[in-house]
Amino acid sequence: MRTEGIYTIMITLAIASRSITSRCRITRNGALVTPPVTSAILESVTRSTVARLAAEDLGLRVEEREVDRTELYVAEEAFFCAAATR
């Protein structure tokens, strides 16, 4: 299992959005916060599915906005999400 990607969050202008192969998301104050597609990430089935499940199954608000790197320290949860093919 490769874990080095966890430590390579791209932080540009103090904004966290992705690692090499995955996208950063956090939960904070009852919301799933995900960077917008204008933040150098792609629209994808995985991205929309995670947002839908967070809203419908977990009752979280979904906020599409920049994630400041300081929020990684105070987030209730921080995780990466990616899709892969073989």
Protein backbone atom coordinates (compact mmCIF):
# COMPACT_ATOMS: atom_id res chain seq x y z
CA MET A 1 0.00 0.00 0.00
CA ARG A 2 1.37 3.40 -0.99
CA THR A 3 0.96 6.14 1.60
CA GLU A 4 3.40 8.80 0.47
CA GLY A 5 0.62 10.61 -1.43
CA ILE A 6 -1.01 11.49 1.88
CA TYR A 7 1.88 13.80 2.65
CA THR A 8 1.91 15.59 -0.68
CA ILE A 9 -1.12 17.83 -0.46
CA MET A 10 -0.69 20.58 -2.99
CA ILE A 11 -0.79 23.85 -1.16
CA THR A 12 -0.68 26.78 -3.52
CA LEU A 13 -1.38 30.24 -2.20
CA ALA A 14 -2.29 28.62 1.15
CA ILE A 15 -5.13 26.60 -0.40
CA ALA A 16 -5.31 22.80 -0.15
CA SER A 17 -7.00 20.94 -2.97
CA ARG A 18 -5.28 17.71 -3.91
CA SER A 19 -2.45 15.25 -3.60
CA ILE A 20 -0.83 13.62 -6.61
CA THR A 21 -3.70 11.23 -7.33
CA SER A 22 -6.57 12.23 -5.07
CA ARG A 23 -8.67 15.14 -3.88
CA CYS A 24 -8.78 16.60 -0.39
CA ARG A 25 -12.09 17.01 1.42
CA ILE A 26 -12.88 17.95 5.01
CA THR A 27 -15.86 17.90 7.30
CA ARG A 28 -16.33 20.91 9.52
CA ASN A 29 -19.32 22.33 11.39
CA GLY A 30 -21.78 19.89 9.84
CA ALA A 31 -20.60 20.39 6.28
CA LEU A 32 -18.57 18.47 3.73
CA VAL A 33 -16.19 21.02 2.24
CA THR A 34 -14.81 20.25 -1.19
CA PRO A 35 -12.77 22.47 -3.49
CA PRO A 36 -14.65 23.74 -6.55
CA VAL A 37 -13.83 22.44 -10.01
CA THR A 38 -12.14 25.78 -10.69
CA SER A 39 -9.47 24.71 -8.17
CA ALA A 40 -7.48 22.64 -10.70
CA ILE A 41 -9.56 19.51 -10.15
CA LEU A 42 -11.81 17.61 -12.52
CA GLU A 43 -15.54 17.08 -12.36
CA SER A 44 -16.08 13.36 -11.88
CA VAL A 45 -18.56 10.67 -10.95
CA THR A 46 -16.63 10.02 -7.74
CA ARG A 47 -16.75 13.70 -6.76
CA SER A 48 -20.49 14.00 -7.35
CA THR A 49 -21.22 10.65 -5.66
CA VAL A 50 -19.33 11.61 -2.50
CA ALA A 51 -21.24 14.91 -2.36
CA ARG A 52 -24.60 13.18 -2.89
CA LEU A 53 -23.92 10.51 -0.25
CA ALA A 54 -22.75 13.13 2.26
CA ALA A 55 -25.96 15.09 1.77
CA GLU A 56 -28.49 12.26 1.50
CA ASP A 57 -27.07 9.59 3.81
CA LEU A 58 -25.16 11.66 6.36
CA GLY A 59 -27.25 14.82 6.37
CA LEU A 60 -24.23 17.07 5.77
CA ARG A 61 -24.40 20.34 3.90
CA VAL A 62 -22.07 20.34 0.91
CA GLU A 63 -19.94 23.45 0.48
CA GLU A 64 -17.93 23.91 -2.69
CA ARG A 65 -15.22 26.40 -1.80
CA GLU A 66 -11.50 26.69 -1.34
CA VAL A 67 -10.09 24.80 1.64
CA ASP A 68 -7.56 26.95 3.46
CA ARG A 69 -4.61 24.96 4.76
CA THR A 70 -5.32 26.13 8.33
CA GLU A 71 -8.68 24.33 8.12
CA LEU A 72 -6.84 21.00 7.88
CA TYR A 73 -5.81 21.47 11.52
CA VAL A 74 -9.28 22.25 12.85
CA ALA A 75 -11.38 19.98 10.62
CA GLU A 76 -13.42 17.26 12.27
CA GLU A 77 -12.30 14.92 9.50
CA ALA A 78 -9.97 15.26 6.54
CA PHE A 79 -9.78 12.66 3.82
CA PHE A 80 -8.74 11.98 0.29
CA CYS A 81 -10.91 10.51 -2.40
CA ALA A 82 -9.89 9.15 -5.78
CA ALA A 83 -10.96 6.80 -8.52
CA ALA A 84 -8.54 4.45 -10.21
CA THR A 85 -8.54 2.03 -13.10
CA ARG A 86 -6.36 -0.92 -13.88
